[in-house]
Amino acid sequence: MSSNLIIRNERASDYETVERITREAFYNIYRPGCVEHYLVHVMRNHEDFISDLDFVAELDGEVIGNIMYTRAKLADETGKVKEILTFGPVCIKPEYQRRGYGKKLIENSFNHAMKLGYDTVVIFGSPSNYVSCGFKSCLKYGVCTADGKYPSAMMVRELVPGVLSGHRWVYSDSPVMNIDEEEALKYDDTLENMAKEYRPSQEEFYIISHSFLEK
């Protein structure tokens, strides 16, 4: 890994680059095409977006990755609500992937999140991408979705060990995560054409995103 890696807050001048990198990183991975770049596009103007936790990775002066956070919530069995974090999309430009840059972005953001007073991060994704960053199954922390299920793709990272102990939690994310698919497709059509195609990774994603754990 190059020693000339800088992690800094995203600037307005980075917006177009970050959206392009996000599109390149996710296109055809989870579906033909992708919607993650549209989420990036609309997330920055949402009330749950946390600009202090919006970071880019810059390598030798080139922006090669990004991570963005929004507020989310956990409610315990008494109904008491705890404000937490979720991130996504997090991306690295394809030619720089699998070199540890994404992990650097994530770990750096954790340090800043703790300074802001946050102690928990919940995400949805492929476990193989995130367990090395300390994420564990939501079931281990008693964190479920509103329907009482424990998705295999839902993972939890306690930034403060033990902070979730002794409770059952129900997770809810920001409304900004509920992407309007039609609007996302319209936005994608305004950008440079990229061929939509099927890849085996899409079937892998379908399996993990429709799988649940049982106690």
C-alpha atoms as a PDB file:
ATOM      1  CA  MET A   1       0.000   0.000   0.000  1.00  0.00           C
ATOM      2  CA  SER A   2       1.343   3.423  -0.947  1.00  0.00           C
ATOM      3  CA  SER A   3       2.459   5.721   1.864  1.00  0.00           C
ATOM      4  CA  ASN A   4       0.991   8.660  -0.086  1.00  0.00           C
ATOM      5  CA  LEU A   5      -2.565   7.873   0.953  1.00  0.00           C
ATOM      6  CA  ILE A   6      -4.496  10.780   2.464  1.00  0.00           C
ATOM      7  CA  ILE A   7      -7.938  10.432   4.030  1.00  0.00           C
ATOM      8  CA  ARG A   8      -9.822  13.714   4.236  1.00  0.00           C
ATOM      9  CA  ASN A   9     -13.344  15.090   4.235  1.00  0.00           C
ATOM     10  CA  GLU A  10     -15.092  15.213   0.892  1.00  0.00           C
ATOM     11  CA  ARG A  11     -15.278  18.619  -0.798  1.00  0.00           C
ATOM     12  CA  ALA A  12     -17.884  19.915  -3.229  1.00  0.00           C
ATOM     13  CA  SER A  13     -15.237  19.653  -5.952  1.00  0.00           C
ATOM     14  CA  ASP A  14     -15.093  15.890  -5.300  1.00  0.00           C
ATOM     15  CA  TYR A  15     -18.807  15.223  -5.806  1.00  0.00           C
ATOM     16  CA  GLU A  16     -18.724  14.303  -9.492  1.00  0.00           C
ATOM     17  CA  THR A  17     -15.610  12.159  -9.054  1.00  0.00           C
ATOM     18  CA  VAL A  18     -17.069  10.302  -6.072  1.00  0.00           C
ATOM     19  CA  GLU A  19     -20.312   9.574  -7.888  1.00  0.00           C
ATOM     20  CA  ARG A  20     -18.393   8.287 -10.903  1.00  0.00           C
ATOM     21  CA  ILE A  21     -16.189   6.044  -8.753  1.00  0.00           C
ATOM     22  CA  THR A  22     -19.242   4.722  -6.904  1.00  0.00           C
ATOM     23  CA  ARG A  23     -20.918   3.902 -10.198  1.00  0.00           C
ATOM     24  CA  GLU A  24     -17.813   2.150 -11.538  1.00  0.00           C
ATOM     25  CA  ALA A  25     -17.361   0.185  -8.313  1.00  0.00           C
ATOM     26  CA  PHE A  26     -20.945  -1.101  -8.085  1.00  0.00           C
ATOM     27  CA  TYR A  27     -22.082  -1.432 -11.692  1.00  0.00           C
ATOM     28  CA  ASN A  28     -23.340  -4.974 -12.360  1.00  0.00           C
ATOM     29  CA  ILE A  29     -22.064  -6.268  -9.019  1.00  0.00           C
ATOM     30  CA  TYR A  30     -25.407  -6.679  -7.200  1.00  0.00           C
ATOM     31  CA  ARG A  31     -27.778  -6.195 -10.154  1.00  0.00           C
ATOM     32  CA  PRO A  32     -27.559  -5.252 -13.808  1.00  0.00           C
ATOM     33  CA  GLY A  33     -26.459  -1.632 -13.469  1.00  0.00           C
ATOM     34  CA  CYS A  34     -26.587  -0.104  -9.980  1.00  0.00           C
ATOM     35  CA  VAL A  35     -28.307   2.528  -7.812  1.00  0.00           C
ATOM     36  CA  GLU A  36     -25.522   3.312  -5.329  1.00  0.00           C
ATOM     37  CA  HIS A  37     -24.308   6.379  -7.228  1.00  0.00           C
ATOM     38  CA  TYR A  38     -27.836   7.785  -7.125  1.00  0.00           C
ATOM     39  CA  LEU A  39     -27.905   7.241  -3.364  1.00  0.00           C
ATOM     40  CA  VAL A  40     -24.663   9.217  -3.088  1.00  0.00           C
ATOM     41  CA  HIS A  41     -26.217  11.929  -5.243  1.00  0.00           C
ATOM     42  CA  VAL A  42     -29.282  12.403  -3.003  1.00  0.00           C
ATOM     43  CA  MET A  43     -27.783  11.537   0.374  1.00  0.00           C
ATOM     44  CA  ARG A  44     -25.740  14.708   0.825  1.00  0.00           C
ATOM     45  CA  ASN A  45     -28.885  16.867   0.995  1.00  0.00           C
ATOM     46  CA  HIS A  46     -30.727  14.676   3.487  1.00  0.00           C
ATOM     47  CA  GLU A  47     -31.103  15.668   7.145  1.00  0.00           C
ATOM     48  CA  ASP A  48     -29.665  12.339   8.313  1.00  0.00           C
ATOM     49  CA  PHE A  49     -26.446  12.737   6.341  1.00  0.00           C
ATOM     50  CA  ILE A  50     -23.387  13.426   8.510  1.00  0.00           C
ATOM     51  CA  SER A  51     -20.948  15.594   6.581  1.00  0.00           C
ATOM     52  CA  ASP A  52     -18.256  15.240   9.262  1.00  0.00           C
ATOM     53  CA  LEU A  53     -18.151  11.513   8.461  1.00  0.00           C
ATOM     54  CA  ASP A  54     -17.984  11.918   4.688  1.00  0.00           C
ATOM     55  CA  PHE A  55     -14.440  10.957   3.691  1.00  0.00           C
ATOM     56  CA  VAL A  56     -12.459  10.373   0.527  1.00  0.00           C
ATOM     57  CA  ALA A  57      -9.265   8.401   0.088  1.00  0.00           C
ATOM     58  CA  GLU A  58      -6.745  10.321  -2.008  1.00  0.00           C
ATOM     59  CA  LEU A  59      -3.746   8.448  -3.415  1.00  0.00           C
ATOM     60  CA  ASP A  60      -0.950  10.503  -4.921  1.00  0.00           C
ATOM     61  CA  GLY A  61      -3.434  13.323  -5.504  1.00  0.00           C
ATOM     62  CA  GLU A  62      -6.119  11.107  -7.062  1.00  0.00           C
ATOM     63  CA  VAL A  63      -9.419  10.433  -5.297  1.00  0.00           C
ATOM     64  CA  ILE A  64      -9.813   6.638  -5.339  1.00  0.00           C
ATOM     65  CA  GLY A  65     -12.524   5.990  -2.749  1.00  0.00           C
ATOM     66  CA  ASN A  66     -15.217   7.314  -0.462  1.00  0.00           C
ATOM     67  CA  ILE A  67     -17.293   6.479   2.607  1.00  0.00           C
ATOM     68  CA  MET A  68     -20.491   8.240   3.686  1.00  0.00           C
ATOM     69  CA  TYR A  69     -22.548   7.950   6.862  1.00  0.00           C
ATOM     70  CA  THR A  70     -26.117   8.632   7.872  1.00  0.00           C
ATOM     71  CA  ARG A  71     -27.842   8.477  11.218  1.00  0.00           C
ATOM     72  CA  ALA A  72     -29.819   5.358  12.077  1.00  0.00           C
ATOM     73  CA  LYS A  73     -31.681   4.150  15.184  1.00  0.00           C
ATOM     74  CA  LEU A  74     -31.946   1.250  17.580  1.00  0.00           C
ATOM     75  CA  ALA A  75     -34.948   0.865  19.889  1.00  0.00           C
ATOM     76  CA  ASP A  76     -34.713  -1.430  22.901  1.00  0.00           C
ATOM     77  CA  GLU A  77     -37.475  -3.580  24.420  1.00  0.00           C
ATOM     78  CA  THR A  78     -38.789  -0.603  26.411  1.00  0.00           C
ATOM     79  CA  GLY A  79     -39.037   1.591  23.313  1.00  0.00           C
ATOM     80  CA  LYS A  80     -36.065   3.724  24.260  1.00  0.00           C
ATOM     81  CA  VAL A  81     -34.322   4.963  21.110  1.00  0.00           C
ATOM     82  CA  LYS A  82     -30.577   5.071  20.640  1.00  0.00           C
ATOM     83  CA  GLU A  83     -29.058   7.061  17.759  1.00  0.00           C
ATOM     84  CA  ILE A  84     -26.394   5.112  15.908  1.00  0.00           C
ATOM     85  CA  LEU A  85     -24.684   5.116  12.518  1.00  0.00           C
ATOM     86  CA  THR A  86     -24.804   3.297   9.238  1.00  0.00           C
ATOM     87  CA  PHE A  87     -22.496   3.763   6.305  1.00  0.00           C
ATOM     88  CA  GLY A  88     -22.874   3.120   2.640  1.00  0.00           C
ATOM     89  CA  PRO A  89     -22.073   3.130   0.001  1.00  0.00           C
ATOM     90  CA  VAL A  90     -18.359   2.700   0.668  1.00  0.00           C
ATOM     91  CA  CYS A  91     -16.346   2.279  -2.473  1.00  0.00           C
ATOM     92  CA  ILE A  92     -12.875   2.034  -3.938  1.00  0.00           C
ATOM     93  CA  LYS A  93     -12.078   2.569  -7.595  1.00  0.00           C
ATOM     94  CA  PRO A  94     -11.992  -0.912  -9.204  1.00  0.00           C
ATOM     95  CA  GLU A  95      -8.300  -0.918 -10.109  1.00  0.00           C
ATOM     96  CA  TYR A  96      -7.363  -0.154  -6.480  1.00  0.00           C
ATOM     97  CA  GLN A  97      -9.622  -2.691  -4.796  1.00  0.00           C
ATOM     98  CA  ARG A  98      -8.336  -5.536  -2.577  1.00  0.00           C
ATOM     99  CA  ARG A  99      -5.326  -3.496  -1.460  1.00  0.00           C
ATOM    100  CA  GLY A 100      -6.588  -2.453   1.959  1.00  0.00           C
ATOM    101  CA  TYR A 101      -7.693   1.076   1.075  1.00  0.00           C
ATOM    102  CA  GLY A 102     -11.330   0.412   1.904  1.00  0.00           C
ATOM    103  CA  LYS A 103     -10.388  -0.946   5.313  1.00  0.00           C
ATOM    104  CA  LYS A 104      -8.291   2.150   5.942  1.00  0.00           C
ATOM    105  CA  LEU A 105     -11.285   4.359   5.103  1.00  0.00           C
ATOM    106  CA  ILE A 106     -13.566   2.404   7.412  1.00  0.00           C
ATOM    107  CA  GLU A 107     -11.174   2.317  10.358  1.00  0.00           C
ATOM    108  CA  ASN A 108     -10.405   6.030  10.010  1.00  0.00           C
ATOM    109  CA  SER A 109     -14.114   6.824  10.004  1.00  0.00           C
ATOM    110  CA  PHE A 110     -14.611   4.767  13.179  1.00  0.00           C
ATOM    111  CA  ASN A 111     -12.080   6.932  15.008  1.00  0.00           C
ATOM    112  CA  HIS A 112     -13.875  10.099  13.954  1.00  0.00           C
ATOM    113  CA  ALA A 113     -17.292   8.631  14.778  1.00  0.00           C
ATOM    114  CA  MET A 114     -16.179   7.894  18.327  1.00  0.00           C
ATOM    115  CA  LYS A 115     -14.947  11.475  18.721  1.00  0.00           C
ATOM    116  CA  LEU A 116     -18.441  12.628  17.738  1.00  0.00           C
ATOM    117  CA  GLY A 117     -19.950  10.450  20.470  1.00  0.00           C
ATOM    118  CA  TYR A 118     -21.235   7.515  18.427  1.00  0.00           C
ATOM    119  CA  ASP A 119     -20.734   3.999  19.776  1.00  0.00           C
ATOM    120  CA  THR A 120     -22.450   1.649  17.291  1.00  0.00           C
ATOM    121  CA  VAL A 121     -22.484   1.052  13.538  1.00  0.00           C
ATOM    122  CA  VAL A 122     -24.995  -1.225  11.775  1.00  0.00           C
ATOM    123  CA  ILE A 123     -24.641  -2.061   8.087  1.00  0.00           C
ATOM    124  CA  PHE A 124     -26.009  -4.364   5.403  1.00  0.00           C
ATOM    125  CA  GLY A 125     -23.530  -6.069   3.110  1.00  0.00           C
ATOM    126  CA  SER A 126     -21.528  -9.149   2.332  1.00  0.00           C
ATOM    127  CA  PRO A 127     -19.967 -10.439   5.585  1.00  0.00           C
ATOM    128  CA  SER A 128     -16.775 -11.416   3.749  1.00  0.00           C
ATOM    129  CA  ASN A 129     -16.134  -7.730   3.079  1.00  0.00           C
ATOM    130  CA  TYR A 130     -16.595  -6.504   6.642  1.00  0.00           C
ATOM    131  CA  VAL A 131     -15.739  -9.078   9.306  1.00  0.00           C
ATOM    132  CA  SER A 132     -12.080  -8.048   9.066  1.00  0.00           C
ATOM    133  CA  CYS A 133     -13.191  -4.582  10.250  1.00  0.00           C
ATOM    134  CA  GLY A 134     -14.713  -6.025  13.425  1.00  0.00           C
ATOM    135  CA  PHE A 135     -18.295  -6.473  12.255  1.00  0.00           C
ATOM    136  CA  LYS A 136     -20.242  -9.426  13.608  1.00  0.00           C
ATOM    137  CA  SER A 137     -23.653 -10.932  13.005  1.00  0.00           C
ATOM    138  CA  CYS A 138     -26.582  -8.844  14.206  1.00  0.00           C
ATOM    139  CA  LEU A 139     -27.849 -11.941  16.020  1.00  0.00           C
ATOM    140  CA  LYS A 140     -24.880 -11.860  18.383  1.00  0.00           C
ATOM    141  CA  TYR A 141     -25.965  -8.400  19.568  1.00  0.00           C
ATOM    142  CA  GLY A 142     -29.711  -9.031  19.624  1.00  0.00           C
ATOM    143  CA  VAL A 143     -30.264  -6.534  16.811  1.00  0.00           C
ATOM    144  CA  CYS A 144     -33.179  -7.382  14.525  1.00  0.00           C
ATOM    145  CA  THR A 145     -35.300  -5.678  11.895  1.00  0.00           C
ATOM    146  CA  ALA A 146     -38.817  -4.378  12.543  1.00  0.00           C
ATOM    147  CA  ASP A 147     -40.306  -7.764  11.626  1.00  0.00           C
ATOM    148  CA  GLY A 148     -38.180  -9.517  14.252  1.00  0.00           C
ATOM    149  CA  LYS A 149     -35.825 -11.133  11.734  1.00  0.00           C
ATOM    150  CA  TYR A 150     -32.022 -11.361  11.801  1.00  0.00           C
ATOM    151  CA  PRO A 151     -30.759 -10.914   8.230  1.00  0.00           C
ATOM    152  CA  SER A 152     -27.505 -12.647   7.389  1.00  0.00           C
ATOM    153  CA  ALA A 153     -26.409  -9.455   5.646  1.00  0.00           C
ATOM    154  CA  MET A 154     -26.998  -7.221   8.701  1.00  0.00           C
ATOM    155  CA  MET A 155     -23.867  -6.724  10.785  1.00  0.00           C
ATOM    156  CA  VAL A 156     -22.980  -4.748  13.880  1.00  0.00           C
ATOM    157  CA  ARG A 157     -19.798  -3.120  15.077  1.00  0.00           C
ATOM    158  CA  GLU A 158     -19.667  -1.874  18.671  1.00  0.00           C
ATOM    159  CA  LEU A 159     -17.265   1.065  18.782  1.00  0.00           C
ATOM    160  CA  VAL A 160     -17.541   0.860  22.574  1.00  0.00           C
ATOM    161  CA  PRO A 161     -17.391  -2.804  23.632  1.00  0.00           C
ATOM    162  CA  GLY A 162     -20.451  -4.021  25.507  1.00  0.00           C
ATOM    163  CA  VAL A 163     -22.580  -0.957  24.796  1.00  0.00           C
ATOM    164  CA  LEU A 164     -25.434  -3.084  23.407  1.00  0.00           C
ATOM    165  CA  SER A 165     -25.316  -5.787  26.067  1.00  0.00           C
ATOM    166  CA  GLY A 166     -28.422  -6.735  28.024  1.00  0.00           C
ATOM    167  CA  HIS A 167     -31.030  -5.588  25.512  1.00  0.00           C
ATOM    168  CA  ARG A 168     -32.920  -6.671  22.435  1.00  0.00           C
ATOM    169  CA  TRP A 169     -32.747  -4.038  19.724  1.00  0.00           C
ATOM    170  CA  VAL A 170     -34.841  -3.170  16.685  1.00  0.00           C
ATOM    171  CA  TYR A 171     -32.978  -1.425  13.884  1.00  0.00           C
ATOM    172  CA  SER A 172     -34.314   1.280  11.590  1.00  0.00           C
ATOM    173  CA  ASP A 173     -32.314   3.204   9.044  1.00  0.00           C
ATOM    174  CA  SER A 174     -32.748   6.629   7.500  1.00  0.00           C
ATOM    175  CA  PRO A 175     -35.557   7.172   4.966  1.00  0.00           C
ATOM    176  CA  VAL A 176     -32.876   8.270   2.492  1.00  0.00           C
ATOM    177  CA  MET A 177     -31.910   4.610   2.119  1.00  0.00           C
ATOM    178  CA  ASN A 178     -35.317   3.866   0.550  1.00  0.00           C
ATOM    179  CA  ILE A 179     -34.219   4.534  -2.991  1.00  0.00           C
ATOM    180  CA  ASP A 180     -36.802   5.401  -5.625  1.00  0.00           C
ATOM    181  CA  GLU A 181     -35.794   2.846  -8.260  1.00  0.00           C
ATOM    182  CA  GLU A 182     -37.468   4.739 -11.096  1.00  0.00           C
ATOM    183  CA  GLU A 183     -35.681   7.973 -10.223  1.00  0.00           C
ATOM    184  CA  ALA A 184     -32.395   6.092  -9.875  1.00  0.00           C
ATOM    185  CA  LEU A 185     -32.787   4.649 -13.370  1.00  0.00           C
ATOM    186  CA  LYS A 186     -33.656   8.051 -14.804  1.00  0.00           C
ATOM    187  CA  TYR A 187     -30.541   9.539 -13.205  1.00  0.00           C
ATOM    188  CA  ASP A 188     -28.355   6.723 -14.515  1.00  0.00           C
ATOM    189  CA  ASP A 189     -29.666   7.344 -18.025  1.00  0.00           C
ATOM    190  CA  THR A 190     -28.267  10.904 -17.898  1.00  0.00           C
ATOM    191  CA  LEU A 191     -24.730   9.595 -17.394  1.00  0.00           C
ATOM    192  CA  GLU A 192     -22.163   8.025 -19.701  1.00  0.00           C
ATOM    193  CA  ASN A 193     -23.492   4.739 -21.042  1.00  0.00           C
ATOM    194  CA  MET A 194     -22.351   1.574 -19.288  1.00  0.00           C
ATOM    195  CA  ALA A 195     -23.540  -1.862 -20.383  1.00  0.00           C
ATOM    196  CA  LYS A 196     -25.880  -3.571 -17.938  1.00  0.00           C
ATOM    197  CA  GLU A 197     -25.167  -7.270 -17.683  1.00  0.00           C
ATOM    198  CA  TYR A 198     -25.593 -10.351 -15.532  1.00  0.00           C
ATOM    199  CA  ARG A 199     -22.739 -11.542 -13.328  1.00  0.00           C
ATOM    200  CA  PRO A 200     -22.567 -14.458 -10.876  1.00  0.00           C
ATOM    201  CA  SER A 201     -22.019 -11.986  -8.019  1.00  0.00           C
ATOM    202  CA  GLN A 202     -25.637 -10.913  -8.458  1.00  0.00           C
ATOM    203  CA  GLU A 203     -26.859 -14.383  -7.552  1.00  0.00           C
ATOM    204  CA  GLU A 204     -24.527 -14.440  -4.550  1.00  0.00           C
ATOM    205  CA  PHE A 205     -25.974 -11.117  -3.404  1.00  0.00           C
ATOM    206  CA  TYR A 206     -29.531 -12.380  -3.880  1.00  0.00           C
ATOM    207  CA  ILE A 207     -28.813 -15.395  -1.682  1.00  0.00           C
ATOM    208  CA  ILE A 208     -27.170 -13.478   1.162  1.00  0.00           C
ATOM    209  CA  SER A 209     -29.736 -10.644   1.069  1.00  0.00           C
ATOM    210  CA  HIS A 210     -32.630 -13.110   1.341  1.00  0.00           C
ATOM    211  CA  SER A 211     -31.109 -15.247   4.105  1.00  0.00           C
ATOM    212  CA  PHE A 212     -31.916 -15.019   7.808  1.00  0.00           C
ATOM    213  CA  LEU A 213     -30.406 -16.383  11.012  1.00  0.00           C
ATOM    214  CA  GLU A 214     -32.322 -18.091  13.774  1.00  0.00           C
ATOM    215  CA  LYS A 215     -31.644 -18.124  17.472  1.00  0.00           C
END
